[in-house]
Protein backbone atom coordinates (compact mmCIF):
# COMPACT_ATOMS: atom_id res chain seq x y z
CA MET A 1 38.81 18.93 -26.77
CA VAL A 2 39.95 18.50 -23.19
CA PRO A 3 37.07 19.15 -20.76
CA LEU A 4 37.68 21.71 -18.06
CA ASP A 5 35.96 19.69 -15.35
CA GLY A 6 33.61 17.06 -16.59
CA PRO A 7 32.63 14.73 -19.37
CA HIS A 8 33.82 15.09 -22.93
CA VAL A 9 31.30 16.66 -25.35
CA PRO A 10 31.46 15.00 -28.80
CA GLU A 11 32.65 17.38 -31.53
CA ASP A 12 29.48 16.82 -33.58
CA ARG A 13 27.14 17.76 -30.70
CA PRO A 14 27.41 21.14 -29.00
CA GLY A 15 27.09 21.05 -25.25
CA CYS A 16 28.45 22.33 -21.97
CA VAL A 17 32.19 21.81 -21.60
CA LEU A 18 31.78 21.27 -17.84
CA CYS A 19 28.85 18.85 -17.57
CA GLY A 20 28.20 17.68 -21.14
CA ARG A 21 24.57 18.90 -21.11
CA ALA A 22 23.23 19.31 -24.65
CA THR A 23 22.41 22.85 -25.71
CA TYR A 24 18.87 24.15 -25.24
CA ASP A 25 17.11 27.51 -25.22
CA PRO A 26 16.98 28.75 -21.61
CA ASP A 27 14.10 30.72 -20.14
CA LYS A 28 14.28 34.31 -21.43
CA ARG A 29 14.46 35.63 -17.86
CA GLY A 30 17.32 33.29 -16.91
CA PRO A 31 21.01 33.39 -17.76
CA ALA A 32 22.11 32.52 -21.29
CA TRP A 33 24.74 30.01 -22.31
CA VAL A 34 28.25 31.51 -22.17
CA ARG A 35 30.43 31.25 -25.27
CA ALA A 36 34.11 31.27 -24.36
CA VAL A 37 37.51 29.83 -25.32
CA ALA A 38 39.45 27.14 -23.44
CA SER A 39 42.82 25.87 -24.67
CA GLY A 40 42.31 27.89 -27.86
CA ARG A 41 38.99 26.21 -28.72
CA GLN A 42 35.46 27.58 -28.67
CA VAL A 43 33.40 26.15 -25.77
CA LEU A 44 29.96 26.62 -24.22
CA VAL A 45 29.04 26.77 -20.51
CA CYS A 46 25.41 26.07 -19.58
CA PRO A 47 23.35 28.27 -17.25
CA GLU A 48 23.24 25.53 -14.57
CA CYS A 49 27.04 25.24 -14.36
CA GLN A 50 27.34 29.04 -14.21
CA ARG A 51 24.94 29.04 -11.28
CA GLU A 52 26.15 25.92 -9.44
CA ARG A 53 29.95 26.00 -9.96
CA SER A 54 31.56 29.02 -8.35
CA GLY A 55 34.85 28.64 -10.24
CA TRP A 56 33.35 27.79 -13.62
CA ALA A 57 35.40 30.47 -15.43
CA ASP A 58 38.76 29.51 -13.89
CA GLY A 59 39.76 27.23 -16.81
CA LEU A 60 38.86 29.68 -19.57
CA ASP A 61 41.47 31.46 -21.68
CA ARG A 62 41.95 35.16 -20.97
CA CYS A 63 42.69 38.07 -23.26
CA ALA A 64 46.38 39.00 -23.26
CA SER A 65 45.42 42.67 -23.49
CA CYS A 66 42.54 43.23 -21.04
CA GLY A 67 42.34 39.93 -19.11
CA GLY A 68 38.70 39.35 -20.08
CA THR A 69 37.19 35.92 -20.76
CA ARG A 70 34.69 37.03 -23.43
CA LEU A 71 36.67 35.42 -26.25
CA SER A 72 35.61 33.87 -29.55
CA ALA A 73 37.59 31.47 -31.73
CA ILE A 74 37.13 32.63 -35.32
CA LEU A 75 38.92 31.05 -38.29
CA GLY A 76 41.97 30.12 -36.23
CA ASP A 77 42.17 33.44 -34.38
CA VAL A 78 41.00 34.20 -30.86
CA VAL A 79 39.22 37.54 -30.65
CA CYS A 80 38.34 39.39 -27.42
CA ARG A 81 34.75 40.61 -27.52
CA ASP A 82 35.54 43.20 -24.83
CA CYS A 83 38.55 45.05 -26.28
CA GLY A 84 38.91 43.61 -29.80
CA HIS A 85 42.43 42.21 -29.27
CA THR A 86 43.16 39.37 -31.74
CA LYS A 87 45.60 36.51 -31.20
CA GLY A 88 46.56 34.51 -34.30
CA ALA A 89 46.60 30.72 -34.36
């Protein structure tokens, strides 16, 4: 996986694609981790990077149909969670 803007996260350890921070359960009142797709691969963005990096979503893939970034990589396909558009591998 090529990091968007930061250290590489090992494939066997989920973490933030921007800073490499290991996953954790955030405070229930705070923002959640964002699940997205970058370069066709599923990635996570931590709450701190969402708050501290104004352009954190710039490197994410976008839906070809609606332009949204709420994408999931599922069994080789990329599915938009906003409009349901599916792009095959």
